[in-house]
Amino acid sequence: MMDRTIAPEIKPIDEITFLHPEKETVNGMHFYFMSGLDVDVLKIEMVVKGGSVWQQRVLQASFTNKMLKKGTISYDAQKLALKIDYSGSFIETSTDKDKANITLYTTHEALNEMLPVLIEMYATSVFPPEELKKLQAIEKNNYLVNQEKVAYLASKHFQKALFQNHPYGRLAEEQDFDTITVKDLKDFYETYYLNENINVYVSGMITDKVKEKILNSFSVLELPSFDAYPEIKRIDKSNKEVLKIGKPDALQAAIRMGKILPGRTHEDYVNLQFFSMVLGGYFGSRLMKNIREEKGFTYGIYSSYQNNLFASFMVIGTEVKNDVLPQALEEIYKEINRLTAEEIPDEELQKVKTYILGKFLKSCDGAFEQMENFKLLNENNLPENFFQEYINKINRITAKDILETAGKYFSSKEDWVEVTVANFK
């Protein structure tokens, strides 16, 4: 019998077995099938180059994506929602800076009924004006509510300052919700959705019959080729900027600070991600211990390394009481400076290695999760061995490596963007 008073042995993670999807191409569209579930669930995710970086005016990308569920040539918004609900399925749409997604979760039994619905949503959306008015009202109200939140304001102004004149830095203002039109959405839809540059990721319980059904259903789409995407330059460096945004009557102050850093293919990427994790990437991080546990300035503080097609960056974020804002900023810079001056102890080094690799191992648990990892590789043109090399580098990393990387990228404040929103009295 297992003795549960004894903690299980911690074993090193040096290799993970990755599932490899089967690839098919139909009418220029690429399909990837990954089977690995014993339950009757299917996830079909369509990914198009329809993120906000490609839009000619703000809100085009997100509104186009949201409106896909608001009416097709056969269904109005209510009938479409009821048909999806009655089948026991679920369809979600989402956008980010680079991509747009349409995802169907369904069962084998409902697949015959839901595939035509998914394809019709994608290929024959009609963008009813009355539904756009409803969406405008809802999103404008959400915007106005968020404008009262210091965390939202800090994130918004941080993005604008970090990306400046780049498309990533163009964010919506109040008047934009009133001026977006059906024509704006149709123009974006016809340009960036209705072309053969689609990747379809299918995961779950996949049989030969399911695979054949999906490929045959999508074969009705004969879409044109398209490569006339605007030229977008990658951002390699940020410019120093310190912004103080006044918010009268605010009970808390928000901090967002960070800088542009190299992307996933750079030789320093793993070291930089490790640095961010030590600084504020998990509950036992330097910033959490200092700002939360020792000083009691905040409930939570984080450091996050984020990657997009045309920029990668680190951001530190927290909310604190107005009267401790200067001290909080001082302590954040203090922790950054410590990492540029002192090697981290071996115990902390090993703990962070274990955390990073354990978290990554969890992200590989199942067909849905493994497909997410493959999608990351595929959509970002990363090599097939990227994750194994990532694991190898984490295992090899030393305290000296982190110290040298910290000194190289964080010894100066010259390219830091610092945004604070508070009731500055």
Protein backbone atom coordinates (compact mmCIF):
# COMPACT_ATOMS: atom_id res chain seq x y z
CA MET A 1 0.00 0.00 0.00
CA MET A 2 1.22 3.48 -0.86
CA ASP A 3 2.49 5.49 2.12
CA ARG A 4 0.86 8.88 1.58
CA THR A 5 2.90 10.48 4.36
CA ILE A 6 5.93 10.35 2.05
CA ALA A 7 6.09 12.86 -0.80
CA PRO A 8 6.58 11.31 -4.25
CA GLU A 9 10.03 11.48 -5.77
CA ILE A 10 10.64 14.45 -8.05
CA LYS A 11 11.86 13.14 -11.37
CA PRO A 12 13.69 15.23 -13.96
CA ILE A 13 11.87 16.11 -17.17
CA ASP A 14 14.28 15.79 -20.06
CA GLU A 15 12.09 14.49 -22.87
CA ILE A 16 8.40 14.62 -23.77
CA THR A 17 6.66 12.52 -26.40
CA PHE A 18 4.75 14.80 -28.73
CA LEU A 19 1.84 13.71 -30.90
CA HIS A 20 2.19 14.60 -34.57
CA PRO A 21 -0.94 15.48 -36.54
CA GLU A 22 -1.84 14.12 -39.94
CA LYS A 23 -1.93 16.82 -42.59
CA GLU A 24 -4.35 17.07 -45.51
CA THR A 25 -4.87 19.85 -48.05
CA VAL A 26 -8.20 20.60 -49.72
CA ASN A 27 -8.61 23.48 -52.19
CA GLY A 28 -5.55 25.19 -50.73
CA MET A 29 -6.81 24.92 -47.13
CA HIS A 30 -4.62 23.00 -44.67
CA PHE A 31 -6.13 20.49 -42.23
CA TYR A 32 -4.36 18.94 -39.23
CA PHE A 33 -5.86 15.92 -37.45
CA MET A 34 -4.73 14.79 -33.99
CA SER A 35 -6.56 11.92 -32.32
CA GLY A 36 -6.00 11.09 -28.68
CA LEU A 37 -9.24 11.06 -26.69
CA ASP A 38 -11.39 8.14 -25.56
CA VAL A 39 -14.49 10.30 -25.11
CA ASP A 40 -16.88 11.44 -27.82
CA VAL A 41 -15.65 15.02 -28.21
CA LEU A 42 -14.33 16.88 -31.23
CA LYS A 43 -12.71 20.29 -31.47
CA ILE A 44 -12.54 21.91 -34.91
CA GLU A 45 -10.66 25.20 -34.93
CA MET A 46 -10.37 27.42 -37.99
CA VAL A 47 -7.53 29.95 -37.89
CA VAL A 48 -7.26 32.85 -40.35
CA LYS A 49 -4.92 35.82 -40.64
CA GLY A 50 -7.59 38.18 -39.36
CA GLY A 51 -6.09 39.78 -36.25
CA SER A 52 -6.06 43.46 -35.38
CA VAL A 53 -2.62 44.01 -36.93
CA TRP A 54 -4.21 43.75 -40.40
CA GLN A 55 -7.16 46.09 -39.88
CA GLN A 56 -7.40 49.47 -41.61
CA ARG A 57 -9.41 50.98 -38.78
CA VAL A 58 -9.79 49.98 -35.16
CA LEU A 59 -12.49 47.44 -34.22
CA GLN A 60 -12.65 45.93 -37.72
CA ALA A 61 -11.00 42.66 -36.68
CA SER A 62 -12.81 42.04 -33.39
CA PHE A 63 -16.24 43.17 -34.64
CA THR A 64 -15.97 41.10 -37.82
CA ASN A 65 -15.17 38.04 -35.75
CA LYS A 66 -17.99 38.62 -33.23
CA MET A 67 -20.52 39.22 -36.02
CA LEU A 68 -19.95 35.77 -37.54
CA LYS A 69 -22.45 34.43 -34.98
CA LYS A 70 -25.04 37.13 -35.74
CA GLY A 71 -26.49 35.87 -39.00
CA THR A 72 -25.86 33.89 -42.20
CA ILE A 73 -27.78 33.43 -45.44
CA SER A 74 -29.88 30.72 -43.76
CA TYR A 75 -30.07 31.74 -40.09
CA ASP A 76 -30.63 34.90 -38.14
CA ALA A 77 -28.76 35.32 -34.84
CA GLN A 78 -31.48 33.71 -32.70
CA LYS A 79 -32.03 30.69 -34.95
CA LEU A 80 -28.29 30.16 -35.23
CA ALA A 81 -27.84 30.23 -31.45
CA LEU A 82 -30.76 27.83 -30.90
CA LYS A 83 -29.51 25.38 -33.51
CA ILE A 84 -26.08 25.26 -31.89
CA ASP A 85 -27.53 24.91 -28.38
CA TYR A 86 -30.02 22.17 -29.28
CA SER A 87 -27.25 20.05 -30.80
CA GLY A 88 -25.30 20.14 -27.53
CA SER A 89 -22.46 21.88 -29.34
CA PHE A 90 -20.64 25.14 -28.75
CA ILE A 91 -19.07 27.63 -31.16
CA GLU A 92 -16.75 30.37 -29.97
CA THR A 93 -15.03 33.12 -31.91
CA SER A 94 -11.97 35.08 -30.84
CA THR A 95 -9.29 37.42 -32.14
CA ASP A 96 -5.88 38.54 -31.01
CA LYS A 97 -3.31 40.86 -32.50
CA ASP A 98 -2.38 38.44 -35.31
CA LYS A 99 -5.07 35.79 -35.83
CA ALA A 100 -8.81 35.19 -35.77
CA ASN A 101 -10.37 31.90 -34.68
CA ILE A 102 -13.69 30.11 -35.12
CA THR A 103 -13.92 27.00 -32.96
CA LEU A 104 -16.57 24.27 -32.86
CA TYR A 105 -16.85 21.84 -29.95
CA THR A 106 -19.19 18.99 -30.80
CA THR A 107 -19.84 15.24 -30.73
CA HIS A 108 -19.84 12.54 -33.40
CA GLU A 109 -23.63 12.46 -33.29
CA ALA A 110 -23.97 16.20 -33.90
CA LEU A 111 -21.15 16.49 -36.43
CA ASN A 112 -23.32 15.99 -39.53
CA GLU A 113 -25.61 18.77 -38.36
CA MET A 114 -22.97 21.22 -37.12
CA LEU A 115 -20.35 21.08 -39.89
CA PRO A 116 -22.62 22.86 -42.40
CA VAL A 117 -23.41 25.48 -39.73
CA LEU A 118 -19.72 26.11 -39.04
CA ILE A 119 -18.94 26.41 -42.74
CA GLU A 120 -21.93 28.68 -43.36
CA MET A 121 -20.88 30.96 -40.49
CA TYR A 122 -17.44 31.21 -42.00
CA ALA A 123 -18.37 31.57 -45.67
CA THR A 124 -21.80 33.27 -45.79
CA SER A 125 -22.05 35.71 -42.87
CA VAL A 126 -24.30 38.66 -43.76
CA PHE A 127 -23.55 41.20 -40.97
CA PRO A 128 -27.12 42.40 -40.23
CA PRO A 129 -27.15 46.16 -39.45
CA GLU A 130 -29.49 45.70 -36.47
CA GLU A 131 -27.10 43.16 -34.93
CA LEU A 132 -24.18 45.52 -35.44
CA LYS A 133 -26.07 48.25 -33.57
CA LYS A 134 -26.60 45.89 -30.64
CA LEU A 135 -22.93 44.93 -30.65
CA GLN A 136 -21.86 48.57 -30.80
CA ALA A 137 -24.02 49.41 -27.78
CA ILE A 138 -22.74 46.44 -25.75
CA GLU A 139 -19.07 46.98 -26.57
CA LYS A 140 -19.27 50.74 -26.05
CA ASN A 141 -20.83 50.21 -22.64
CA ASN A 142 -18.09 47.71 -21.75
CA TYR A 143 -15.51 50.25 -22.87
CA LEU A 144 -17.01 53.02 -20.71
CA VAL A 145 -17.13 50.71 -17.69
CA ASN A 146 -13.50 49.72 -18.24
CA GLN A 147 -12.49 53.37 -18.53
CA GLU A 148 -13.24 53.65 -14.81
CA LYS A 149 -10.78 50.86 -13.95
CA VAL A 150 -7.18 51.83 -13.28
CA ALA A 151 -5.89 48.41 -14.41
CA TYR A 152 -7.58 48.75 -17.81
CA LEU A 153 -6.32 52.29 -18.30
CA ALA A 154 -2.77 51.32 -17.38
CA SER A 155 -2.77 48.38 -19.82
CA LYS A 156 -4.25 50.52 -22.59
CA HIS A 157 -1.74 53.34 -22.23
CA PHE A 158 1.11 50.86 -21.82
CA GLN A 159 0.30 49.21 -25.15
CA LYS A 160 0.02 52.57 -26.91
CA ALA A 161 3.33 53.76 -25.47
CA LEU A 162 5.15 50.47 -26.08
CA PHE A 163 4.04 50.05 -29.70
CA GLN A 164 3.54 53.74 -30.56
CA ASN A 165 2.84 54.11 -34.31
CA HIS A 166 2.87 50.37 -34.99
CA PRO A 167 -0.53 48.71 -35.72
CA TYR A 168 -0.27 46.94 -32.35
CA GLY A 169 -0.55 50.35 -30.70
CA ARG A 170 -3.80 51.42 -32.38
CA LEU A 171 -6.55 50.95 -29.79
CA ALA A 172 -10.22 51.92 -29.76
CA GLU A 173 -11.53 55.18 -28.34
CA GLU A 174 -15.15 55.97 -27.46
CA GLN A 175 -16.08 57.49 -30.84
CA ASP A 176 -14.83 54.42 -32.73
CA PHE A 177 -17.74 52.34 -31.44
CA ASP A 178 -20.22 54.72 -33.12
CA THR A 179 -18.46 55.07 -36.46
CA ILE A 180 -17.67 51.44 -37.38
CA THR A 181 -19.97 50.36 -40.25
CA VAL A 182 -21.26 47.20 -41.89
CA LYS A 183 -19.15 48.09 -44.93
CA ASP A 184 -16.01 48.21 -42.77
CA LEU A 185 -16.73 44.70 -41.52
CA LYS A 186 -17.62 43.27 -44.92
CA ASP A 187 -14.46 44.73 -46.45
CA PHE A 188 -12.31 43.12 -43.76
CA TYR A 189 -14.24 39.84 -43.97
CA GLU A 190 -13.99 39.55 -47.74
CA THR A 191 -10.28 40.41 -47.73
CA TYR A 192 -8.92 38.43 -44.78
CA TYR A 193 -11.43 35.62 -44.22
CA LEU A 194 -12.60 34.56 -47.67
CA ASN A 195 -9.32 33.23 -49.01
CA GLU A 196 -7.55 29.89 -48.92
CA ASN A 197 -5.09 30.92 -46.18
CA ILE A 198 -6.96 28.88 -43.59
CA ASN A 199 -5.55 26.35 -41.18
CA VAL A 200 -8.07 23.93 -39.65
CA TYR A 201 -7.00 22.06 -36.51
CA VAL A 202 -9.09 19.00 -35.59
CA SER A 203 -8.49 17.18 -32.31
CA GLY A 204 -10.34 14.71 -30.11
CA MET A 205 -11.78 11.30 -30.96
CA ILE A 206 -11.08 11.15 -34.69
CA THR A 207 -12.04 8.16 -36.82
CA ASP A 208 -11.47 7.70 -40.54
CA LYS A 209 -15.17 8.41 -41.05
CA VAL A 210 -14.95 11.68 -39.11
CA LYS A 211 -11.88 12.77 -41.05
CA GLU A 212 -13.53 11.97 -44.38
CA LYS A 213 -16.69 13.84 -43.37
CA ILE A 214 -14.77 16.98 -42.42
CA LEU A 215 -12.68 17.02 -45.60
CA ASN A 216 -15.70 16.41 -47.82
CA SER A 217 -17.71 19.12 -46.09
CA PHE A 218 -15.01 21.75 -46.51
CA SER A 219 -14.39 20.75 -50.12
CA VAL A 220 -17.45 22.81 -51.13
CA LEU A 221 -15.39 25.93 -50.39
CA GLU A 222 -13.44 27.12 -53.41
CA LEU A 223 -11.64 30.19 -52.15
CA PRO A 224 -9.19 32.44 -53.99
CA SER A 225 -5.50 32.61 -53.15
CA PHE A 226 -4.37 35.79 -51.42
CA ASP A 227 -0.97 37.17 -50.49
CA ALA A 228 -1.51 40.94 -50.57
CA TYR A 229 -1.10 41.42 -46.82
CA PRO A 230 0.20 44.83 -45.74
CA GLU A 231 3.90 44.91 -44.95
CA ILE A 232 4.27 44.96 -41.18
CA LYS A 233 7.69 45.61 -39.66
CA ARG A 234 8.84 43.82 -36.54
CA ILE A 235 9.51 45.98 -33.49
CA ASP A 236 12.95 45.25 -32.07
CA LYS A 237 13.32 48.03 -29.51
CA SER A 238 11.13 50.18 -27.30
CA ASN A 239 11.69 53.84 -26.47
CA LYS A 240 11.81 55.13 -22.93
CA GLU A 241 8.56 56.68 -21.80
CA VAL A 242 7.17 57.49 -18.36
CA LEU A 243 3.45 58.25 -18.24
CA LYS A 244 1.44 59.33 -15.22
CA ILE A 245 -2.31 59.17 -15.88
CA GLY A 246 -4.46 60.94 -13.34
CA LYS A 247 -7.65 59.22 -12.17
CA PRO A 248 -9.51 61.33 -9.58
CA ASP A 249 -11.21 59.40 -6.77
CA ALA A 250 -9.33 56.19 -7.66
CA LEU A 251 -8.84 54.05 -4.56
CA GLN A 252 -5.97 52.12 -6.11
CA ALA A 253 -3.04 52.86 -8.38
CA ALA A 254 -2.13 50.64 -11.32
CA ILE A 255 1.37 49.95 -12.64
CA ARG A 256 2.27 48.58 -16.06
CA MET A 257 5.91 48.63 -17.06
CA GLY A 258 8.08 46.72 -19.48
CA LYS A 259 10.06 46.71 -22.69
CA ILE A 260 10.42 45.10 -26.11
CA LEU A 261 12.55 41.94 -26.03
CA PRO A 262 13.67 39.31 -28.58
CA GLY A 263 11.23 36.68 -29.82
CA ARG A 264 11.15 32.89 -29.60
CA THR A 265 13.83 32.24 -32.23
CA HIS A 266 16.49 34.42 -30.56
CA GLU A 267 19.36 32.75 -28.75
CA ASP A 268 18.56 34.64 -25.52
CA TYR A 269 14.83 33.87 -25.51
CA VAL A 270 14.87 31.00 -23.00
CA ASN A 271 17.15 32.89 -20.61
CA LEU A 272 14.90 35.95 -20.81
CA GLN A 273 11.78 33.91 -20.17
CA PHE A 274 13.52 32.30 -17.19
CA PHE A 275 14.45 35.78 -15.90
CA SER A 276 10.81 36.88 -16.17
CA MET A 277 9.68 33.77 -14.29
CA VAL A 278 12.14 34.36 -11.44
CA LEU A 279 11.14 38.01 -11.26
CA GLY A 280 7.35 37.65 -11.25
CA GLY A 281 6.13 34.63 -13.18
CA TYR A 282 4.85 32.41 -10.37
CA PHE A 283 3.54 32.66 -6.82
CA GLY A 284 6.96 32.24 -5.22
CA SER A 285 8.63 34.87 -7.42
CA ARG A 286 10.85 37.73 -6.23
CA LEU A 287 8.16 40.38 -6.77
CA MET A 288 5.46 38.36 -4.99
CA LYS A 289 7.69 37.81 -1.97
CA ASN A 290 8.74 41.45 -1.76
CA ILE A 291 5.69 43.48 -2.83
CA ARG A 292 2.97 41.14 -1.54
CA GLU A 293 4.34 39.07 1.32
CA GLU A 294 6.91 41.39 2.91
CA LYS A 295 5.52 44.86 2.14
CA GLY A 296 1.81 44.05 1.87
CA PHE A 297 1.43 46.59 -0.94
CA THR A 298 -0.70 44.39 -3.20
CA TYR A 299 -2.68 41.19 -3.45
CA GLY A 300 -0.83 40.14 -6.58
CA ILE A 301 1.93 41.21 -8.96
CA TYR A 302 3.18 39.51 -12.09
CA SER A 303 5.81 39.55 -14.80
CA SER A 304 4.77 38.13 -18.17
CA TYR A 305 6.70 37.47 -21.38
CA GLN A 306 4.36 37.82 -24.36
CA ASN A 307 4.98 36.91 -27.99
CA ASN A 308 3.29 38.15 -31.16
CA LEU A 309 4.25 37.81 -34.81
CA PHE A 310 5.80 41.28 -34.97
CA ALA A 311 6.87 41.98 -31.39
CA SER A 312 7.76 40.27 -28.12
CA PHE A 313 7.82 42.03 -24.79
CA MET A 314 7.90 41.68 -21.03
CA VAL A 315 5.34 43.45 -18.87
CA ILE A 316 5.12 43.83 -15.10
CA GLY A 317 1.71 44.62 -13.67
CA THR A 318 0.08 45.23 -10.31
CA GLU A 319 -2.41 47.40 -8.43
CA VAL A 320 -1.46 49.02 -5.11
CA LYS A 321 -2.79 51.67 -2.74
CA ASN A 322 -2.25 55.22 -3.99
CA ASP A 323 -0.06 56.18 -1.04
CA VAL A 324 2.48 53.37 -1.61
CA LEU A 325 2.86 53.80 -5.38
CA PRO A 326 6.35 55.40 -5.21
CA GLN A 327 7.61 52.71 -2.84
CA ALA A 328 6.15 49.93 -5.02
CA LEU A 329 7.94 51.28 -8.10
CA GLU A 330 11.16 51.56 -6.12
CA GLU A 331 10.91 47.95 -4.94
CA ILE A 332 10.18 46.65 -8.45
CA TYR A 333 13.32 48.28 -9.82
CA LYS A 334 15.21 47.05 -6.77
CA GLU A 335 14.33 43.43 -7.58
CA ILE A 336 15.29 43.89 -11.23
CA ASN A 337 18.63 45.40 -10.19
CA ARG A 338 19.28 42.52 -7.77
CA LEU A 339 18.97 40.06 -10.64
CA THR A 340 21.50 42.07 -12.67
CA ALA A 341 23.99 42.13 -9.78
CA GLU A 342 23.71 38.77 -7.99
CA GLU A 343 23.52 35.16 -9.12
CA ILE A 344 20.32 33.49 -7.99
CA PRO A 345 20.82 30.73 -5.37
CA ASP A 346 20.92 27.16 -6.65
CA GLU A 347 17.81 26.20 -4.66
CA GLU A 348 15.79 28.95 -6.38
CA LEU A 349 17.27 28.03 -9.76
CA GLN A 350 16.18 24.41 -9.41
CA LYS A 351 12.74 25.38 -8.11
CA VAL A 352 12.06 27.61 -11.11
CA LYS A 353 13.33 24.93 -13.51
CA THR A 354 10.96 22.41 -11.94
CA TYR A 355 8.05 24.85 -12.10
CA ILE A 356 8.62 25.78 -15.77
CA LEU A 357 9.04 22.19 -16.93
CA GLY A 358 6.14 20.93 -14.81
CA LYS A 359 3.88 23.63 -16.20
CA PHE A 360 4.96 22.77 -19.72
CA LEU A 361 4.39 19.06 -19.11
CA LYS A 362 0.84 19.86 -17.99
CA SER A 363 0.29 21.73 -21.26
CA CYS A 364 0.99 18.47 -23.13
CA ASP A 365 -1.65 16.41 -21.32
CA GLY A 366 -4.15 15.33 -23.97
CA ALA A 367 -4.98 15.79 -27.63
CA PHE A 368 -6.48 19.27 -27.21
CA GLU A 369 -3.41 20.51 -25.35
CA GLN A 370 -0.95 18.87 -27.73
CA MET A 371 -2.76 20.39 -30.69
CA GLU A 372 -2.44 23.82 -29.04
CA ASN A 373 1.32 23.30 -28.88
CA PHE A 374 1.47 22.19 -32.50
CA LYS A 375 -0.66 25.18 -33.52
CA LEU A 376 1.80 27.51 -31.78
CA LEU A 377 4.64 26.01 -33.83
CA ASN A 378 2.69 26.05 -37.08
CA GLU A 379 1.26 29.56 -36.82
CA ASN A 380 4.61 31.05 -35.83
CA ASN A 381 6.77 29.13 -38.32
CA LEU A 382 8.83 27.53 -35.56
CA PRO A 383 10.93 24.38 -36.12
CA GLU A 384 9.53 20.99 -35.17
CA ASN A 385 12.18 20.50 -32.48
CA PHE A 386 11.46 23.87 -30.82
CA PHE A 387 9.90 22.43 -27.66
CA GLN A 388 12.53 19.73 -27.18
CA GLU A 389 15.26 22.35 -27.53
CA TYR A 390 13.35 24.53 -25.07
CA ILE A 391 13.35 21.68 -22.53
CA ASN A 392 17.05 21.05 -23.11
CA LYS A 393 17.93 24.72 -22.60
CA ILE A 394 15.89 24.97 -19.39
CA ASN A 395 17.69 21.92 -18.00
CA ARG A 396 21.11 23.35 -18.94
CA ILE A 397 20.54 26.91 -17.76
CA THR A 398 22.81 28.19 -14.97
CA ALA A 399 22.71 31.05 -12.49
CA LYS A 400 25.57 32.64 -14.42
CA ASP A 401 23.52 32.52 -17.64
CA ILE A 402 20.67 34.41 -15.97
CA LEU A 403 23.03 36.98 -14.46
CA GLU A 404 24.67 37.66 -17.83
CA THR A 405 21.31 37.91 -19.61
CA ALA A 406 19.95 40.23 -16.93
CA GLY A 407 22.98 42.48 -17.26
CA LYS A 408 22.67 42.53 -21.04
CA TYR A 409 18.99 43.52 -21.17
CA PHE A 410 18.07 45.08 -17.81
CA SER A 411 21.04 47.10 -16.58
CA SER A 412 19.58 50.32 -18.01
CA LYS A 413 16.15 51.99 -17.93
CA GLU A 414 16.69 53.70 -21.28
CA ASP A 415 14.17 51.57 -23.19
CA TRP A 416 11.64 50.97 -20.41
CA VAL A 417 8.02 52.05 -20.71
CA GLU A 418 6.50 52.89 -17.34
CA VAL A 419 2.80 53.72 -16.94
CA THR A 420 1.06 54.54 -13.68
CA VAL A 421 -2.60 55.41 -13.21
CA ALA A 422 -3.54 56.86 -9.85
CA ASN A 423 -5.23 59.62 -7.91
CA PHE A 424 -2.21 61.92 -7.98
CA LYS A 425 -2.93 64.55 -5.33
